Amino acid sequence: MRKKNTELLSEVIRQVLKEQNLDKQLNEKRLIDAWPLVLGNNIVQYTSNLTIKNKILYVSLTSSVLRHDLFLSREEIKKSLNKQAGAETIIDIIFR
């Protein structure tokens, strides 16, 4: 016989992470891990030091031309990264 008050394990884990204030760090990790998936390996080879501080993603780039191109596409990149993370983890991207 099945109990009526069952919950999905994923929902229970999500609730525990939120109660322990660990969901923010998990979403940030997911977003940084999604960087190569969203932008591809060609761009990833020119990037380093991805950090998130106060909902802003900071990315160091070795190419000024690429920096300009990514700057023009940063809204689309932000949306894609947040979608991959599963939450609005960042509100802006700064390319250095």
C-alpha atoms as a PDB file:
ATOM      1  CA  MET A   1       0.000   0.000   0.000  1.00  0.00           C
ATOM      2  CA  ARG A   2       1.337   3.426  -0.921  1.00  0.00           C
ATOM      3  CA  LYS A   3       1.344   6.393   1.425  1.00  0.00           C
ATOM      4  CA  LYS A   4      -0.482   9.483   0.255  1.00  0.00           C
ATOM      5  CA  ASN A   5       2.002  12.047   1.601  1.00  0.00           C
ATOM      6  CA  THR A   6       5.021  11.004  -0.439  1.00  0.00           C
ATOM      7  CA  GLU A   7       7.432  13.486  -1.974  1.00  0.00           C
ATOM      8  CA  LEU A   8      10.001  13.214  -4.698  1.00  0.00           C
ATOM      9  CA  LEU A   9      13.537  12.743  -3.414  1.00  0.00           C
ATOM     10  CA  SER A  10      14.741  15.625  -5.604  1.00  0.00           C
ATOM     11  CA  GLU A  11      12.239  17.966  -3.922  1.00  0.00           C
ATOM     12  CA  VAL A  12      13.327  16.853  -0.450  1.00  0.00           C
ATOM     13  CA  ILE A  13      16.982  17.441  -1.329  1.00  0.00           C
ATOM     14  CA  ARG A  14      16.145  20.856  -2.808  1.00  0.00           C
ATOM     15  CA  GLN A  15      14.291  21.825   0.395  1.00  0.00           C
ATOM     16  CA  VAL A  16      17.175  20.689   2.619  1.00  0.00           C
ATOM     17  CA  LEU A  17      19.708  22.627   0.524  1.00  0.00           C
ATOM     18  CA  LYS A  18      17.546  25.736   0.716  1.00  0.00           C
ATOM     19  CA  GLU A  19      17.091  25.413   4.481  1.00  0.00           C
ATOM     20  CA  GLN A  20      20.849  25.031   4.953  1.00  0.00           C
ATOM     21  CA  ASN A  21      21.561  27.969   2.571  1.00  0.00           C
ATOM     22  CA  LEU A  22      23.538  25.716   0.241  1.00  0.00           C
ATOM     23  CA  ASP A  23      21.362  26.183  -2.838  1.00  0.00           C
ATOM     24  CA  LYS A  24      23.149  29.386  -3.867  1.00  0.00           C
ATOM     25  CA  GLN A  25      26.574  27.703  -3.950  1.00  0.00           C
ATOM     26  CA  LEU A  26      25.160  24.728  -5.832  1.00  0.00           C
ATOM     27  CA  ASN A  27      23.587  26.963  -8.473  1.00  0.00           C
ATOM     28  CA  GLU A  28      26.843  28.922  -8.836  1.00  0.00           C
ATOM     29  CA  LYS A  29      28.762  25.674  -9.343  1.00  0.00           C
ATOM     30  CA  ARG A  30      26.220  24.507 -11.921  1.00  0.00           C
ATOM     31  CA  LEU A  31      26.514  27.812 -13.778  1.00  0.00           C
ATOM     32  CA  ILE A  32      30.316  27.718 -13.908  1.00  0.00           C
ATOM     33  CA  ASP A  33      30.195  24.085 -15.042  1.00  0.00           C
ATOM     34  CA  ALA A  34      27.757  25.112 -17.792  1.00  0.00           C
ATOM     35  CA  TRP A  35      30.192  27.684 -19.242  1.00  0.00           C
ATOM     36  CA  PRO A  36      31.826  25.198 -21.704  1.00  0.00           C
ATOM     37  CA  LEU A  37      28.421  23.772 -22.676  1.00  0.00           C
ATOM     38  CA  VAL A  38      26.956  27.182 -23.496  1.00  0.00           C
ATOM     39  CA  LEU A  39      29.984  28.744 -25.197  1.00  0.00           C
ATOM     40  CA  GLY A  40      31.874  25.764 -26.630  1.00  0.00           C
ATOM     41  CA  ASN A  41      35.478  24.622 -26.400  1.00  0.00           C
ATOM     42  CA  ASN A  42      36.838  27.205 -28.856  1.00  0.00           C
ATOM     43  CA  ILE A  43      35.868  30.074 -26.564  1.00  0.00           C
ATOM     44  CA  VAL A  44      36.694  28.243 -23.335  1.00  0.00           C
ATOM     45  CA  GLN A  45      40.370  28.045 -24.299  1.00  0.00           C
ATOM     46  CA  TYR A  46      40.532  31.867 -24.133  1.00  0.00           C
ATOM     47  CA  THR A  47      38.774  32.157 -20.764  1.00  0.00           C
ATOM     48  CA  SER A  48      39.952  31.666 -17.201  1.00  0.00           C
ATOM     49  CA  ASN A  49      39.114  32.608 -13.621  1.00  0.00           C
ATOM     50  CA  LEU A  50      35.333  32.392 -13.703  1.00  0.00           C
ATOM     51  CA  THR A  51      34.069  33.726 -10.392  1.00  0.00           C
ATOM     52  CA  ILE A  52      30.690  34.848  -9.123  1.00  0.00           C
ATOM     53  CA  LYS A  53      30.373  37.645  -6.599  1.00  0.00           C
ATOM     54  CA  ASN A  54      27.119  39.406  -5.686  1.00  0.00           C
ATOM     55  CA  LYS A  55      25.313  37.702  -8.589  1.00  0.00           C
ATOM     56  CA  ILE A  56      27.850  39.016 -11.111  1.00  0.00           C
ATOM     57  CA  LEU A  57      29.946  36.606 -13.179  1.00  0.00           C
ATOM     58  CA  TYR A  58      33.515  37.772 -13.732  1.00  0.00           C
ATOM     59  CA  VAL A  59      35.376  36.198 -16.647  1.00  0.00           C
ATOM     60  CA  SER A  60      39.026  36.787 -17.565  1.00  0.00           C
ATOM     61  CA  LEU A  61      39.776  36.639 -21.292  1.00  0.00           C
ATOM     62  CA  THR A  62      43.049  36.524 -23.191  1.00  0.00           C
ATOM     63  CA  SER A  63      41.615  37.968 -26.416  1.00  0.00           C
ATOM     64  CA  SER A  64      40.374  41.548 -26.691  1.00  0.00           C
ATOM     65  CA  VAL A  65      38.467  40.745 -29.889  1.00  0.00           C
ATOM     66  CA  LEU A  66      36.660  37.892 -28.167  1.00  0.00           C
ATOM     67  CA  ARG A  67      35.973  40.145 -25.165  1.00  0.00           C
ATOM     68  CA  HIS A  68      34.184  42.598 -27.443  1.00  0.00           C
ATOM     69  CA  ASP A  69      32.157  39.877 -29.170  1.00  0.00           C
ATOM     70  CA  LEU A  70      31.101  38.318 -25.866  1.00  0.00           C
ATOM     71  CA  PHE A  71      30.245  41.726 -24.442  1.00  0.00           C
ATOM     72  CA  LEU A  72      27.762  42.262 -27.279  1.00  0.00           C
ATOM     73  CA  SER A  73      26.191  38.839 -26.594  1.00  0.00           C
ATOM     74  CA  ARG A  74      26.264  38.938 -22.794  1.00  0.00           C
ATOM     75  CA  GLU A  75      22.459  39.079 -22.312  1.00  0.00           C
ATOM     76  CA  GLU A  76      21.971  35.918 -24.360  1.00  0.00           C
ATOM     77  CA  ILE A  77      24.879  34.233 -22.576  1.00  0.00           C
ATOM     78  CA  LYS A  78      23.451  35.231 -19.188  1.00  0.00           C
ATOM     79  CA  LYS A  79      20.040  33.779 -20.043  1.00  0.00           C
ATOM     80  CA  SER A  80      21.546  30.520 -21.299  1.00  0.00           C
ATOM     81  CA  LEU A  81      23.773  30.121 -18.248  1.00  0.00           C
ATOM     82  CA  ASN A  82      20.925  30.815 -15.828  1.00  0.00           C
ATOM     83  CA  LYS A  83      18.768  28.312 -17.692  1.00  0.00           C
ATOM     84  CA  GLN A  84      21.484  25.654 -17.394  1.00  0.00           C
ATOM     85  CA  ALA A  85      21.878  26.405 -13.667  1.00  0.00           C
ATOM     86  CA  GLY A  86      18.137  26.119 -13.129  1.00  0.00           C
ATOM     87  CA  ALA A  87      17.796  29.469 -11.337  1.00  0.00           C
ATOM     88  CA  GLU A  88      18.596  33.146 -11.772  1.00  0.00           C
ATOM     89  CA  THR A  89      22.113  32.802 -10.434  1.00  0.00           C
ATOM     90  CA  ILE A  90      23.664  35.837 -12.142  1.00  0.00           C
ATOM     91  CA  ILE A  91      22.290  39.225 -13.138  1.00  0.00           C
ATOM     92  CA  ASP A  92      25.300  40.450 -15.133  1.00  0.00           C
ATOM     93  CA  ILE A  93      28.585  39.354 -16.720  1.00  0.00           C
ATOM     94  CA  ILE A  94      31.790  41.364 -16.650  1.00  0.00           C
ATOM     95  CA  PHE A  95      34.555  40.430 -19.080  1.00  0.00           C
ATOM     96  CA  ARG A  96      38.070  41.423 -18.117  1.00  0.00           C
END
